[in-house]
Amino acid sequence: MIIPDEAHMHDLGVQLAHGLAPGEIVTLSGPLGAGKTVLARAIIGELGFTGDVSSPTFAIIHEYDEPGMRLPVVHADLYRLDDPEEIEELGLFDNRDRVLLVEWPGMGGAALQAADIEIVIEPLPDGSRSVEVKDKRKRI
């Protein structure tokens, strides 16, 4: 799908948030500036977080779990990992009652191949974004 601007990227995040369940993993791939954090911010906000949501690039992990949230969220940015084995040290898979949003999942190696939803964002020359959403959850 083509997302023309940041407002529409936000709308996509809101839509995605409504279908998320505890323990699900959502990966966000794309180059720097593609809109991964914009999408994550919209998802986290729609799940009920009312504060500021920033990129976890330097902290690697931000956790969002406040009263009133429909689901708690762990937002990780693996851009700074040197080795995929470091993902185990982060404890991302220790608490399956949360949604896990992961930017730069390729840096996490095989551990993130079991993602429930994979999102790939590619900037286009006109400033819009090509967004592919692959939902691998089995629905009954």
Protein backbone atom coordinates (compact mmCIF):
# COMPACT_ATOMS: atom_id res chain seq x y z
CA MET A 1 0.00 0.00 0.00
CA ILE A 2 1.11 3.59 -0.50
CA ILE A 3 1.04 5.88 2.53
CA PRO A 4 1.15 9.49 1.32
CA ASP A 5 2.19 11.27 4.53
CA GLU A 6 2.83 11.08 8.27
CA ALA A 7 -0.87 11.54 9.13
CA HIS A 8 -1.79 8.47 7.10
CA MET A 9 1.09 6.52 8.68
CA HIS A 10 -0.40 7.45 12.05
CA ASP A 11 -3.81 6.21 10.89
CA LEU A 12 -2.28 2.88 9.86
CA GLY A 13 -0.75 2.53 13.34
CA VAL A 14 -4.13 3.20 14.96
CA GLN A 15 -5.73 0.55 12.77
CA LEU A 16 -3.01 -2.00 13.55
CA ALA A 17 -3.28 -1.38 17.31
CA HIS A 18 -6.91 -2.50 17.37
CA GLY A 19 -6.00 -6.03 16.30
CA LEU A 20 -3.08 -6.63 18.65
CA ALA A 21 -3.12 -9.16 21.48
CA PRO A 22 -0.77 -9.94 24.40
CA GLY A 23 2.42 -11.71 23.40
CA GLU A 24 2.36 -10.64 19.78
CA ILE A 25 5.52 -9.48 18.06
CA VAL A 26 5.43 -6.74 15.43
CA THR A 27 8.60 -5.98 13.47
CA LEU A 28 9.19 -2.66 11.70
CA SER A 29 11.78 -2.62 8.93
CA GLY A 30 13.00 0.15 6.67
CA PRO A 31 15.84 2.61 6.32
CA LEU A 32 16.55 5.51 8.66
CA GLY A 33 13.74 8.05 8.44
CA ALA A 34 11.27 5.64 6.85
CA GLY A 35 8.60 6.18 9.51
CA LYS A 36 9.09 3.20 11.81
CA THR A 37 8.91 5.29 14.98
CA VAL A 38 5.93 7.27 13.66
CA LEU A 39 4.08 3.99 13.23
CA ALA A 40 5.19 2.69 16.65
CA ARG A 41 4.14 5.97 18.29
CA ALA A 42 0.63 5.65 16.81
CA ILE A 43 0.29 2.02 17.94
CA ILE A 44 1.47 2.80 21.48
CA GLY A 45 -0.79 5.84 21.72
CA GLU A 46 -3.82 3.91 20.49
CA LEU A 47 -3.12 1.23 23.10
CA GLY A 48 -3.60 3.95 25.72
CA PHE A 49 -0.23 5.50 26.49
CA THR A 50 -0.70 9.24 26.97
CA GLY A 51 2.91 10.40 27.35
CA ASP A 52 5.64 11.09 24.84
CA VAL A 53 6.87 8.19 22.72
CA SER A 54 10.39 8.58 21.42
CA SER A 55 12.68 6.35 19.45
CA PRO A 56 14.54 3.87 21.66
CA THR A 57 17.63 4.03 19.43
CA PHE A 58 20.01 4.93 22.26
CA ALA A 59 18.21 3.23 25.16
CA ILE A 60 17.48 0.19 22.94
CA ILE A 61 14.26 -0.55 24.89
CA HIS A 62 11.39 1.62 26.13
CA GLU A 63 8.58 0.05 28.11
CA TYR A 64 5.06 1.48 28.17
CA ASP A 65 2.78 0.16 30.89
CA GLU A 66 0.57 2.65 32.64
CA PRO A 67 -2.92 2.38 34.11
CA GLY A 68 -5.55 2.66 31.42
CA MET A 69 -3.53 1.04 28.66
CA ARG A 70 -5.34 -1.76 26.83
CA LEU A 71 -2.02 -3.59 26.45
CA PRO A 72 1.46 -2.87 27.75
CA VAL A 73 4.16 -2.46 25.08
CA VAL A 74 7.89 -3.03 24.83
CA HIS A 75 9.34 -0.91 22.01
CA ALA A 76 12.84 -1.99 20.99
CA ASP A 77 15.26 -0.57 18.44
CA LEU A 78 18.01 -3.05 17.60
CA TYR A 79 19.97 -0.70 15.33
CA ARG A 80 22.89 -0.49 17.76
CA LEU A 81 23.29 -4.23 18.42
CA ASP A 82 26.65 -5.60 17.34
CA ASP A 83 25.69 -9.26 17.40
CA PRO A 84 22.28 -10.95 17.06
CA GLU A 85 23.05 -13.01 20.18
CA GLU A 86 22.77 -9.80 22.23
CA ILE A 87 19.00 -9.95 21.82
CA GLU A 88 18.81 -12.67 24.48
CA GLU A 89 20.46 -10.35 27.01
CA LEU A 90 17.73 -7.75 26.48
CA GLY A 91 15.00 -9.98 27.92
CA LEU A 92 12.56 -9.10 25.13
CA PHE A 93 10.88 -12.50 25.29
CA ASP A 94 10.70 -12.80 29.09
CA ASN A 95 7.21 -11.33 29.49
CA ARG A 96 4.61 -12.56 27.00
CA ASP A 97 1.74 -10.42 28.36
CA ARG A 98 2.96 -7.44 26.35
CA VAL A 99 3.07 -6.43 22.71
CA LEU A 100 6.63 -6.32 21.41
CA LEU A 101 7.37 -3.69 18.72
CA VAL A 102 10.83 -4.14 17.20
CA GLU A 103 12.57 -1.71 14.87
CA TRP A 104 15.54 -3.04 12.88
CA PRO A 105 14.58 -6.70 13.44
CA GLY A 106 17.32 -7.90 11.07
CA MET A 107 19.84 -7.06 13.79
CA GLY A 108 18.11 -9.62 16.04
CA GLY A 109 18.80 -12.60 13.82
CA ALA A 110 16.65 -15.72 13.90
CA ALA A 111 14.97 -14.80 17.19
CA LEU A 112 12.56 -12.47 15.39
CA GLN A 113 11.67 -14.72 12.46
CA ALA A 114 8.60 -15.80 14.42
CA ALA A 115 7.13 -12.29 14.36
CA ASP A 116 3.34 -12.22 14.17
CA ILE A 117 3.26 -9.13 11.97
CA GLU A 118 6.10 -7.94 9.75
CA ILE A 119 5.96 -4.40 8.42
CA VAL A 120 8.36 -3.14 5.77
CA ILE A 121 8.43 0.58 4.99
CA GLU A 122 10.21 1.98 1.94
CA PRO A 123 10.43 5.73 1.23
CA LEU A 124 9.49 6.69 -2.33
CA PRO A 125 10.96 9.60 -4.34
CA ASP A 126 7.79 11.69 -3.99
CA GLY A 127 7.95 11.56 -0.16
CA SER A 128 5.28 8.90 0.22
CA ARG A 129 5.96 5.45 1.64
CA SER A 130 5.39 1.96 0.30
CA VAL A 131 4.24 -0.15 3.25
CA GLU A 132 3.91 -3.91 3.21
CA VAL A 133 2.13 -5.53 6.15
CA LYS A 134 2.54 -9.29 6.42
CA ASP A 135 0.20 -10.71 9.07
CA LYS A 136 1.36 -14.24 9.92
CA ARG A 137 -1.14 -14.83 12.74
CA LYS A 138 -3.46 -17.75 12.31
CA ARG A 139 -7.05 -16.66 12.67
CA ILE A 140 -9.85 -19.12 13.36
